[in-house]
Each structure stands twice: as C-alpha cells, then as structure tokens.
PDB file of N, CA and C in Angstrom:
ATOM      1  N   MET A   1       4.029 -11.826  13.214  1.00  0.00           N
ATOM      2  CA  MET A   1       3.119 -10.805  13.663  1.00  0.00           C
ATOM      3  C   MET A   1       2.726 -11.103  15.108  1.00  0.00           C
ATOM      4  N   LEU A   2       2.712 -10.063  15.898  1.00  0.00           N
ATOM      5  CA  LEU A   2       2.356 -10.172  17.304  1.00  0.00           C
ATOM      6  C   LEU A   2       0.843 -10.071  17.462  1.00  0.00           C
ATOM      7  N   MET A   3       0.259 -11.044  18.138  1.00  0.00           N
ATOM      8  CA  MET A   3      -1.173 -11.028  18.426  1.00  0.00           C
ATOM      9  C   MET A   3      -1.347 -10.513  19.856  1.00  0.00           C
ATOM     10  N   HIS A   4      -2.289  -9.594  20.038  1.00  0.00           N
ATOM     11  CA  HIS A   4      -2.560  -9.019  21.350  1.00  0.00           C
ATOM     12  C   HIS A   4      -3.840  -9.613  21.916  1.00  0.00           C
ATOM     13  N   ASP A   5      -3.748 -10.201  23.116  1.00  0.00           N
ATOM     14  CA  ASP A   5      -4.942 -10.709  23.780  1.00  0.00           C
ATOM     15  C   ASP A   5      -5.838  -9.533  24.134  1.00  0.00           C
ATOM     16  N   VAL A   6      -7.143  -9.704  23.981  1.00  0.00           N
ATOM     17  CA  VAL A   6      -8.096  -8.662  24.327  1.00  0.00           C
ATOM     18  C   VAL A   6      -9.133  -9.213  25.291  1.00  0.00           C
ATOM     19  N   HIS A   7      -9.733  -8.329  26.053  1.00  0.00           N
ATOM     20  CA  HIS A   7     -10.789  -8.705  26.993  1.00  0.00           C
ATOM     21  C   HIS A   7     -12.120  -8.607  26.251  1.00  0.00           C
ATOM     22  N   SER A   8     -12.648  -9.758  25.863  1.00  0.00           N
ATOM     23  CA  SER A   8     -13.870  -9.789  25.058  1.00  0.00           C
ATOM     24  C   SER A   8     -14.530 -11.155  25.194  1.00  0.00           C
ATOM     25  N   THR A   9     -15.840 -11.168  25.031  1.00  0.00           N
ATOM     26  CA  THR A   9     -16.556 -12.445  25.057  1.00  0.00           C
ATOM     27  C   THR A   9     -16.521 -13.142  23.703  1.00  0.00           C
ATOM     28  N   SER A  10     -16.197 -12.401  22.636  1.00  0.00           N
ATOM     29  CA  SER A  10     -16.205 -13.001  21.298  1.00  0.00           C
ATOM     30  C   SER A  10     -14.838 -13.044  20.617  1.00  0.00           C
ATOM     31  N   VAL A  11     -13.915 -12.191  21.045  1.00  0.00           N
ATOM     32  CA  VAL A  11     -12.601 -12.085  20.407  1.00  0.00           C
ATOM     33  C   VAL A  11     -11.517 -12.563  21.363  1.00  0.00           C
ATOM     34  N   ASP A  12     -10.624 -13.401  20.861  1.00  0.00           N
ATOM     35  CA  ASP A  12      -9.513 -13.906  21.661  1.00  0.00           C
ATOM     36  C   ASP A  12      -8.304 -12.975  21.558  1.00  0.00           C
ATOM     37  N   SER A  13      -7.912 -12.636  20.309  1.00  0.00           N
ATOM     38  CA  SER A  13      -6.746 -11.774  20.122  1.00  0.00           C
ATOM     39  C   SER A  13      -6.812 -11.083  18.762  1.00  0.00           C
ATOM     40  N   ILE A  14      -6.042  -9.989  18.656  1.00  0.00           N
ATOM     41  CA  ILE A  14      -6.009  -9.187  17.438  1.00  0.00           C
ATOM     42  C   ILE A  14      -4.552  -8.875  17.111  1.00  0.00           C
ATOM     43  N   GLY A  15      -4.204  -9.018  15.834  1.00  0.00           N
ATOM     44  CA  GLY A  15      -2.854  -8.688  15.380  1.00  0.00           C
ATOM     45  C   GLY A  15      -2.916  -7.834  14.129  1.00  0.00           C
ATOM     46  N   TYR A  16      -1.816  -7.157  13.833  1.00  0.00           N
ATOM     47  CA  TYR A  16      -1.777  -6.273  12.670  1.00  0.00           C
ATOM     48  C   TYR A  16      -0.430  -6.396  11.975  1.00  0.00           C
ATOM     49  N   ASP A  17      -0.468  -6.493  10.649  1.00  0.00           N
ATOM     50  CA  ASP A  17       0.744  -6.519   9.829  1.00  0.00           C
ATOM     51  C   ASP A  17       0.799  -5.220   9.027  1.00  0.00           C
ATOM     52  N   PRO A  18       1.654  -4.275   9.428  1.00  0.00           N
ATOM     53  CA  PRO A  18       1.707  -2.994   8.719  1.00  0.00           C
ATOM     54  C   PRO A  18       2.201  -3.111   7.282  1.00  0.00           C
ATOM     55  N   ALA A  19       2.978  -4.128   6.978  1.00  0.00           N
ATOM     56  CA  ALA A  19       3.496  -4.303   5.615  1.00  0.00           C
ATOM     57  C   ALA A  19       2.374  -4.621   4.625  1.00  0.00           C
ATOM     58  N   THR A  20       1.380  -5.381   5.072  1.00  0.00           N
ATOM     59  CA  THR A  20       0.270  -5.775   4.192  1.00  0.00           C
ATOM     60  C   THR A  20      -1.028  -5.043   4.516  1.00  0.00           C
ATOM     61  N   LYS A  21      -1.043  -4.295   5.619  1.00  0.00           N
ATOM     62  CA  LYS A  21      -2.238  -3.606   6.121  1.00  0.00           C
ATOM     63  C   LYS A  21      -3.374  -4.587   6.399  1.00  0.00           C
ATOM     64  N   GLU A  22      -2.990  -5.777   6.918  1.00  0.00           N
ATOM     65  CA  GLU A  22      -3.977  -6.791   7.269  1.00  0.00           C
ATOM     66  C   GLU A  22      -4.112  -6.895   8.785  1.00  0.00           C
ATOM     67  N   MET A  23      -5.352  -6.959   9.238  1.00  0.00           N
ATOM     68  CA  MET A  23      -5.633  -7.170  10.647  1.00  0.00           C
ATOM     69  C   MET A  23      -6.172  -8.583  10.813  1.00  0.00           C
ATOM     70  N   HIS A  24      -5.567  -9.329  11.715  1.00  0.00           N
ATOM     71  CA  HIS A  24      -5.960 -10.704  11.989  1.00  0.00           C
ATOM     72  C   HIS A  24      -6.730 -10.727  13.305  1.00  0.00           C
ATOM     73  N   VAL A  25      -7.883 -11.380  13.289  1.00  0.00           N
ATOM     74  CA  VAL A  25      -8.717 -11.477  14.472  1.00  0.00           C
ATOM     75  C   VAL A  25      -8.960 -12.951  14.772  1.00  0.00           C
ATOM     76  N   ALA A  26      -8.480 -13.398  15.934  1.00  0.00           N
ATOM     77  CA  ALA A  26      -8.734 -14.768  16.389  1.00  0.00           C
ATOM     78  C   ALA A  26      -9.981 -14.728  17.268  1.00  0.00           C
ATOM     79  N   TRP A  27     -11.022 -15.413  16.818  1.00  0.00           N
ATOM     80  CA  TRP A  27     -12.292 -15.432  17.528  1.00  0.00           C
ATOM     81  C   TRP A  27     -12.303 -16.543  18.571  1.00  0.00           C
ATOM     82  N   LYS A  28     -13.114 -16.389  19.585  1.00  0.00           N
ATOM     83  CA  LYS A  28     -13.261 -17.421  20.620  1.00  0.00           C
ATOM     84  C   LYS A  28     -13.776 -18.730  20.012  1.00  0.00           C
ATOM     85  N   SER A  29     -14.458 -18.636  18.874  1.00  0.00           N
ATOM     86  CA  SER A  29     -14.999 -19.827  18.203  1.00  0.00           C
ATOM     87  C   SER A  29     -13.908 -20.710  17.606  1.00  0.00           C
ATOM     88  N   GLY A  30     -12.689 -20.165  17.506  1.00  0.00           N
ATOM     89  CA  GLY A  30     -11.584 -20.916  16.923  1.00  0.00           C
ATOM     90  C   GLY A  30     -11.236 -20.478  15.516  1.00  0.00           C
ATOM     91  N   LYS A  31     -12.097 -19.695  14.875  1.00  0.00           N
ATOM     92  CA  LYS A  31     -11.816 -19.185  13.533  1.00  0.00           C
ATOM     93  C   LYS A  31     -10.923 -17.954  13.614  1.00  0.00           C
ATOM     94  N   THR A  32     -10.215 -17.693  12.510  1.00  0.00           N
ATOM     95  CA  THR A  32      -9.415 -16.478  12.402  1.00  0.00           C
ATOM     96  C   THR A  32      -9.837 -15.733  11.156  1.00  0.00           C
ATOM     97  N   SER A  33     -10.179 -14.462  11.328  1.00  0.00           N
ATOM     98  CA  SER A  33     -10.547 -13.591  10.215  1.00  0.00           C
ATOM     99  C   SER A  33      -9.364 -12.708   9.863  1.00  0.00           C
ATOM    100  N   VAL A  34      -9.240 -12.410   8.574  1.00  0.00           N
ATOM    101  CA  VAL A  34      -8.224 -11.479   8.096  1.00  0.00           C
ATOM    102  C   VAL A  34      -8.949 -10.370   7.341  1.00  0.00           C
ATOM    103  N   TYR A  35      -8.753  -9.147   7.808  1.00  0.00           N
ATOM    104  CA  TYR A  35      -9.363  -7.966   7.180  1.00  0.00           C
ATOM    105  C   TYR A  35      -8.285  -7.213   6.419  1.00  0.00           C
ATOM    106  N   SER A  36      -8.588  -6.823   5.183  1.00  0.00           N
ATOM    107  CA  SER A  36      -7.624  -6.162   4.302  1.00  0.00           C
ATOM    108  C   SER A  36      -7.799  -4.654   4.301  1.00  0.00           C
ATOM    109  N   ASP A  37      -6.718  -3.973   3.907  1.00  0.00           N
ATOM    110  CA  ASP A  37      -6.729  -2.512   3.751  1.00  0.00           C
ATOM    111  C   ASP A  37      -7.139  -1.790   5.031  1.00  0.00           C
ATOM    112  N   VAL A  38      -6.641  -2.259   6.156  1.00  0.00           N
ATOM    113  CA  VAL A  38      -6.970  -1.660   7.451  1.00  0.00           C
ATOM    114  C   VAL A  38      -5.868  -0.682   7.854  1.00  0.00           C
ATOM    115  N   PRO A  39      -6.215   0.577   8.102  1.00  0.00           N
ATOM    116  CA  PRO A  39      -5.211   1.516   8.597  1.00  0.00           C
ATOM    117  C   PRO A  39      -4.738   1.101   9.996  1.00  0.00           C
ATOM    118  N   GLU A  40      -3.504   1.398  10.304  1.00  0.00           N
ATOM    119  CA  GLU A  40      -2.934   0.985  11.591  1.00  0.00           C
ATOM    120  C   GLU A  40      -3.728   1.537  12.774  1.00  0.00           C
ATOM    121  N   HIS A  41      -4.217   2.763  12.673  1.00  0.00           N
ATOM    122  CA  HIS A  41      -4.958   3.348  13.804  1.00  0.00           C
ATOM    123  C   HIS A  41      -6.266   2.599  14.074  1.00  0.00           C
ATOM    124  N   VAL A  42      -6.851   2.006  13.045  1.00  0.00           N
ATOM    125  CA  VAL A  42      -8.071   1.220  13.232  1.00  0.00           C
ATOM    126  C   VAL A  42      -7.749  -0.066  13.998  1.00  0.00           C
ATOM    127  N   ALA A  43      -6.650  -0.712  13.640  1.00  0.00           N
ATOM    128  CA  ALA A  43      -6.244  -1.936  14.340  1.00  0.00           C
ATOM    129  C   ALA A  43      -5.894  -1.644  15.794  1.00  0.00           C
ATOM    130  N   THR A  44      -5.194  -0.549  16.025  1.00  0.00           N
ATOM    131  CA  THR A  44      -4.837  -0.162  17.390  1.00  0.00           C
ATOM    132  C   THR A  44      -6.098   0.116  18.208  1.00  0.00           C
ATOM    133  N   SER A  45      -7.055   0.795  17.609  1.00  0.00           N
ATOM    134  CA  SER A  45      -8.304   1.095  18.301  1.00  0.00           C
ATOM    135  C   SER A  45      -9.092  -0.174  18.623  1.00  0.00           C
ATOM    136  N   ALA A  46      -9.024  -1.163  17.749  1.00  0.00           N
ATOM    137  CA  ALA A  46      -9.718  -2.433  18.008  1.00  0.00           C
ATOM    138  C   ALA A  46      -9.142  -3.122  19.237  1.00  0.00           C
ATOM    139  N   VAL A  47      -7.823  -3.088  19.361  1.00  0.00           N
ATOM    140  CA  VAL A  47      -7.160  -3.737  20.502  1.00  0.00           C
ATOM    141  C   VAL A  47      -7.499  -3.028  21.808  1.00  0.00           C
ATOM    142  N   THR A  48      -7.594  -1.715  21.780  1.00  0.00           N
ATOM    143  CA  THR A  48      -7.794  -0.942  23.006  1.00  0.00           C
ATOM    144  C   THR A  48      -9.259  -0.580  23.267  1.00  0.00           C
ATOM    145  N   ALA A  49     -10.159  -0.992  22.391  1.00  0.00           N
ATOM    146  CA  ALA A  49     -11.571  -0.652  22.539  1.00  0.00           C
ATOM    147  C   ALA A  49     -12.164  -1.250  23.815  1.00  0.00           C
ATOM    148  N   TRP A  50     -13.131  -0.527  24.382  1.00  0.00           N
ATOM    149  CA  TRP A  50     -13.836  -1.026  25.562  1.00  0.00           C
ATOM    150  C   TRP A  50     -14.515  -2.354  25.231  1.00  0.00           C
ATOM    151  N   SER A  51     -15.049  -2.457  24.008  1.00  0.00           N
ATOM    152  CA  SER A  51     -15.666  -3.695  23.530  1.00  0.00           C
ATOM    153  C   SER A  51     -15.102  -4.012  22.147  1.00  0.00           C
ATOM    154  N   PRO A  52     -14.033  -4.814  22.085  1.00  0.00           N
ATOM    155  CA  PRO A  52     -13.436  -5.134  20.786  1.00  0.00           C
ATOM    156  C   PRO A  52     -14.422  -5.767  19.808  1.00  0.00           C
ATOM    157  N   GLY A  53     -15.298  -6.633  20.278  1.00  0.00           N
ATOM    158  CA  GLY A  53     -16.278  -7.264  19.391  1.00  0.00           C
ATOM    159  C   GLY A  53     -17.216  -6.246  18.767  1.00  0.00           C
ATOM    160  N   LYS A  54     -17.704  -5.312  19.568  1.00  0.00           N
ATOM    161  CA  LYS A  54     -18.593  -4.270  19.063  1.00  0.00           C
ATOM    162  C   LYS A  54     -17.846  -3.363  18.084  1.00  0.00           C
ATOM    163  N   TYR A  55     -16.608  -3.001  18.405  1.00  0.00           N
ATOM    164  CA  TYR A  55     -15.804  -2.163  17.519  1.00  0.00           C
ATOM    165  C   TYR A  55     -15.615  -2.857  16.170  1.00  0.00           C
ATOM    166  N   LEU A  56     -15.316  -4.149  16.203  1.00  0.00           N
ATOM    167  CA  LEU A  56     -15.125  -4.900  14.958  1.00  0.00           C
ATOM    168  C   LEU A  56     -16.412  -4.928  14.137  1.00  0.00           C
ATOM    169  N   ARG A  57     -17.543  -5.175  14.778  1.00  0.00           N
ATOM    170  CA  ARG A  57     -18.826  -5.209  14.067  1.00  0.00           C
ATOM    171  C   ARG A  57     -19.165  -3.851  13.459  1.00  0.00           C
ATOM    172  N   GLU A  58     -18.985  -2.792  14.224  1.00  0.00           N
ATOM    173  CA  GLU A  58     -19.439  -1.475  13.778  1.00  0.00           C
ATOM    174  C   GLU A  58     -18.460  -0.741  12.867  1.00  0.00           C
ATOM    175  N   ILE A  59     -17.172  -0.937  13.046  1.00  0.00           N
ATOM    176  CA  ILE A  59     -16.174  -0.168  12.306  1.00  0.00           C
ATOM    177  C   ILE A  59     -15.455  -0.993  11.239  1.00  0.00           C
ATOM    178  N   VAL A  60     -15.049  -2.194  11.580  1.00  0.00           N
ATOM    179  CA  VAL A  60     -14.166  -2.959  10.699  1.00  0.00           C
ATOM    180  C   VAL A  60     -14.928  -3.810   9.684  1.00  0.00           C
ATOM    181  N   GLN A  61     -15.869  -4.608  10.136  1.00  0.00           N
ATOM    182  CA  GLN A  61     -16.519  -5.577   9.257  1.00  0.00           C
ATOM    183  C   GLN A  61     -17.229  -4.946   8.070  1.00  0.00           C
ATOM    184  N   SER A  62     -17.814  -3.792   8.258  1.00  0.00           N
ATOM    185  CA  SER A  62     -18.570  -3.178   7.165  1.00  0.00           C
ATOM    186  C   SER A  62     -17.703  -2.334   6.226  1.00  0.00           C
ATOM    187  N   ASN A  63     -16.450  -2.103   6.608  1.00  0.00           N
ATOM    188  CA  ASN A  63     -15.593  -1.208   5.826  1.00  0.00           C
ATOM    189  C   ASN A  63     -14.357  -1.853   5.197  1.00  0.00           C
ATOM    190  N   HIS A  64     -14.108  -3.127   5.530  1.00  0.00           N
ATOM    191  CA  HIS A  64     -12.886  -3.762   5.052  1.00  0.00           C
ATOM    192  C   HIS A  64     -13.156  -5.182   4.548  1.00  0.00           C
ATOM    193  N   PRO A  65     -12.578  -5.538   3.394  1.00  0.00           N
ATOM    194  CA  PRO A  65     -12.748  -6.902   2.871  1.00  0.00           C
ATOM    195  C   PRO A  65     -12.266  -7.936   3.890  1.00  0.00           C
ATOM    196  N   HIS A  66     -12.892  -9.089   3.881  1.00  0.00           N
ATOM    197  CA  HIS A  66     -12.654 -10.119   4.887  1.00  0.00           C
ATOM    198  C   HIS A  66     -12.495 -11.496   4.261  1.00  0.00           C
ATOM    199  N   ARG A  67     -11.665 -12.298   4.875  1.00  0.00           N
ATOM    200  CA  ARG A  67     -11.564 -13.711   4.518  1.00  0.00           C
ATOM    201  C   ARG A  67     -11.198 -14.482   5.783  1.00  0.00           C
ATOM    202  N   TYR A  68     -11.495 -15.778   5.778  1.00  0.00           N
ATOM    203  CA  TYR A  68     -11.079 -16.635   6.893  1.00  0.00           C
ATOM    204  C   TYR A  68      -9.720 -17.230   6.557  1.00  0.00           C
ATOM    205  N   LYS A  69      -8.915 -17.368   7.557  1.00  0.00           N
ATOM    206  CA  LYS A  69      -7.563 -17.923   7.410  1.00  0.00           C
ATOM    207  C   LYS A  69      -7.595 -19.382   7.744  1.00  0.00           C
TER     208      LYS A  69
END
C-alpha cells in the first residue's frame, strides 16, 4: 500500500487499501491507526484536505472503527 505524505502538524502520512477498505494513518507521534470500512473518496479527501488532522477528527474517527497497528 502506498502511503501519501501530508502537510499536517499531527499526521505524517495516509494510505488506503481498496481491497480491505482500510485507511492507515501514520501519526507524528509514531503510532499508526487503521480505520475500517472507509470509502475510497473519504480516504482521498483526507489526503487532500486543507487540514488532514481536522478532517480525520471530524469525519473519520467518529464514523469508522479504529485500531492501532
């Protein structure tokens, strides 16, 4: 899976696996989160968002199951 670097104070990079519908988020803290059942357009929007961290907090975290990798 290709991880895309993003311009953010909290997020390092974001990747998406269309086969599993999982979005991987590498945080600046060193942790990696995996969000399940994410539509591809949501992952694409996270990568291109003006504020990826804010987009993740407002759109992704409250709507998709999460685990740390």
